[in-house]
Every structure is written in C-alpha cells, then in structure tokens.
Amino acid sequence: MQFDLLTRTKYTLDDVGGSLSWGAFRAFVHNLDTGSALARDLGKETGWENTLATNCILADIYDLLQIIHVDLCALGGKKRQIKPYPRPGRKEDNKRKLGKGALPIEELREWLRRAGNGKR
C-alpha cells in the first residue's frame, strides 16, 4: 500500500487522517487497478495490465490476418507477399545480403594470411 501511495500520489501512510483524508484514502484503495502493488499482494493480478503483452497479441493477430489475406489472393490467382507487422527491436533490413556465396577455403586462407601480415 505504501508503494502505491508514494508512486501514484506522493502521500505516505503517515499522511492518512491528516493531509490525506480517510475518505480520499478509501477512494484511492477502492479504485486501484490490477497493476498495483496491493493487487499483486492480494493475488488479484490478471497479467493484462502490461501493454507489451497486448501489443504482441495484436501484432500476432495482424500477421495471421495477413496470411489469410495472401491465401485468399492466391485463390484468385494474385500473388502477394506476407508483410509481418514490424516489431520494435527487430532489424528490418534483413534483405541486405553480403557477398555472393561461400568463399573457397584456399582464398580464405590467402586472405587471412594477407590480413594478418603473414602471421597465420
């Protein structure tokens, strides 16, 4: 309770009955959401207060709808690509390719010799 009061109102439990009336304190406790420390202590946490979880679910639903859309377009003879919803933290430049294939081992050894000034 102390944590919720401090982080949400700047009052402490010592202020109840003084600068924070008992009625205001009751209204505060009565209207705490499931993300509060009190709700967690009482075991009433639902897990839905985290917007990251719901955003991930929405992005997954978007991706599934894209797959359905592409499949329906394919039935009509149209070719479309699936475009997943961009997620934060993922690099979108996955199309960038370096080189044209594997380097033959002898060329790799020669390159390493030149790069290491003959130390290898």
Protein backbone atom coordinates (compact mmCIF):
# COMPACT_ATOMS: atom_id res chain seq x y z
CA MET A 1 0.00 0.00 0.00
CA GLN A 2 2.82 2.36 0.88
CA PHE A 3 4.40 1.85 -2.57
CA ASP A 4 1.13 2.61 -4.38
CA LEU A 5 0.58 5.76 -2.33
CA LEU A 6 4.12 7.02 -2.87
CA THR A 7 4.34 6.32 -6.60
CA ARG A 8 0.84 7.42 -7.51
CA THR A 9 0.07 10.30 -5.13
CA LYS A 10 3.28 11.29 -3.28
CA TYR A 11 1.47 10.67 0.04
CA THR A 12 2.56 8.08 2.62
CA LEU A 13 0.54 6.06 5.11
CA ASP A 14 1.57 8.60 7.75
CA ASP A 15 -0.47 11.23 5.84
CA VAL A 16 -3.73 9.26 6.14
CA GLY A 17 -6.05 11.04 8.55
CA GLY A 18 -4.04 14.25 8.23
CA SER A 19 -3.20 15.84 4.87
CA LEU A 20 -4.88 12.83 3.17
CA SER A 21 -8.40 12.31 4.48
CA TRP A 22 -9.75 8.87 5.29
CA GLY A 23 -12.37 9.29 2.57
CA ALA A 24 -9.77 10.10 -0.05
CA PHE A 25 -7.66 7.15 1.11
CA ARG A 26 -10.67 4.83 0.87
CA ALA A 27 -11.46 6.08 -2.65
CA PHE A 28 -7.81 5.57 -3.65
CA VAL A 29 -7.73 1.98 -2.39
CA HIS A 30 -11.14 1.18 -3.86
CA ASN A 31 -10.08 2.34 -7.34
CA LEU A 32 -6.63 0.76 -7.59
CA ASP A 33 -6.14 -1.17 -10.82
CA THR A 34 -4.79 -4.70 -11.28
CA GLY A 35 -1.29 -3.33 -11.91
CA SER A 36 -0.98 -2.01 -8.36
CA ALA A 37 1.31 -3.46 -5.72
CA LEU A 38 -1.71 -4.06 -3.47
CA ALA A 39 -3.45 -6.14 -6.16
CA ARG A 40 -0.28 -8.21 -6.65
CA ASP A 41 0.00 -8.78 -2.89
CA LEU A 42 -3.63 -9.90 -2.74
CA GLY A 43 -3.14 -12.23 -5.71
CA LYS A 44 -5.50 -10.31 -7.94
CA GLU A 45 -3.00 -9.66 -10.72
CA THR A 46 -4.51 -10.66 -14.04
CA GLY A 47 -1.47 -10.15 -16.25
CA TRP A 48 -3.41 -7.93 -18.64
CA GLU A 49 -2.18 -4.63 -17.24
CA ASN A 50 1.00 -4.93 -19.29
CA THR A 51 0.52 -3.19 -22.65
CA LEU A 52 3.50 -5.04 -24.14
CA ALA A 53 1.64 -8.35 -23.87
CA THR A 54 -1.47 -6.98 -25.56
CA ASN A 55 0.60 -5.27 -28.26
CA CYS A 56 2.32 -8.59 -29.04
CA ILE A 57 -1.04 -10.33 -29.26
CA LEU A 58 -2.36 -7.65 -31.62
CA ALA A 59 0.74 -7.94 -33.83
CA ASP A 60 0.27 -11.73 -33.99
CA ILE A 61 -3.39 -11.29 -34.97
CA TYR A 62 -2.31 -8.83 -37.69
CA ASP A 63 0.19 -11.38 -39.03
CA LEU A 64 -2.44 -14.13 -39.09
CA LEU A 65 -4.83 -11.87 -40.99
CA GLN A 66 -2.04 -11.14 -43.48
CA ILE A 67 -1.55 -14.88 -44.04
CA ILE A 68 -5.30 -15.35 -44.61
CA HIS A 69 -5.33 -12.38 -46.99
CA VAL A 70 -2.40 -13.75 -49.00
CA ASP A 71 -4.04 -17.19 -49.17
CA LEU A 72 -7.32 -15.70 -50.39
CA CYS A 73 -5.48 -13.65 -53.02
CA ALA A 74 -3.68 -16.81 -54.18
CA LEU A 75 -7.05 -18.49 -54.72
CA GLY A 76 -7.94 -15.63 -57.06
CA GLY A 77 -4.69 -16.00 -58.97
CA LYS A 78 -2.94 -12.98 -57.46
CA LYS A 79 0.48 -13.35 -55.93
CA ARG A 80 1.14 -11.33 -52.79
CA GLN A 81 3.82 -11.39 -50.13
CA ILE A 82 3.17 -11.66 -46.44
CA LYS A 83 4.27 -8.48 -44.68
CA PRO A 84 4.51 -9.10 -40.94
CA TYR A 85 3.76 -6.22 -38.61
CA PRO A 86 7.04 -4.52 -37.64
CA ARG A 87 8.07 -5.33 -34.08
CA PRO A 88 10.22 -3.00 -32.01
CA GLY A 89 13.82 -4.11 -31.68
CA ARG A 90 13.85 -6.15 -34.87
CA LYS A 91 16.01 -5.02 -37.73
CA GLU A 92 14.00 -4.52 -40.87
CA ASP A 93 16.98 -4.69 -43.25
CA ASN A 94 17.03 -8.49 -43.40
CA LYS A 95 17.04 -8.22 -47.20
CA ARG A 96 20.61 -6.96 -47.19
CA LYS A 97 22.97 -9.68 -48.40
CA LEU A 98 26.74 -9.59 -48.21
CA GLY A 99 28.78 -11.49 -50.76
CA LYS A 100 27.64 -13.96 -53.37
CA GLY A 101 28.27 -17.23 -51.60
CA ALA A 102 30.85 -19.17 -49.62
CA LEU A 103 34.49 -18.26 -50.15
CA PRO A 104 36.64 -21.21 -51.22
CA ILE A 105 38.92 -22.34 -48.39
CA GLU A 106 42.16 -21.54 -50.24
CA GLU A 107 41.03 -17.99 -50.95
CA LEU A 108 40.02 -17.62 -47.30
CA ARG A 109 43.44 -18.82 -46.11
CA GLU A 110 45.17 -16.43 -48.50
CA TRP A 111 43.00 -13.55 -47.32
CA LEU A 112 43.76 -14.41 -43.68
CA ARG A 113 47.50 -14.51 -44.44
CA ARG A 114 47.35 -11.07 -46.06
CA ALA A 115 45.10 -9.65 -43.35
CA GLY A 116 47.30 -10.93 -40.56
CA ASN A 117 50.51 -9.68 -42.22
CA GLY A 118 51.72 -13.24 -42.71
CA LYS A 119 51.39 -14.19 -39.03
CA ARG A 120 48.97 -17.00 -39.74
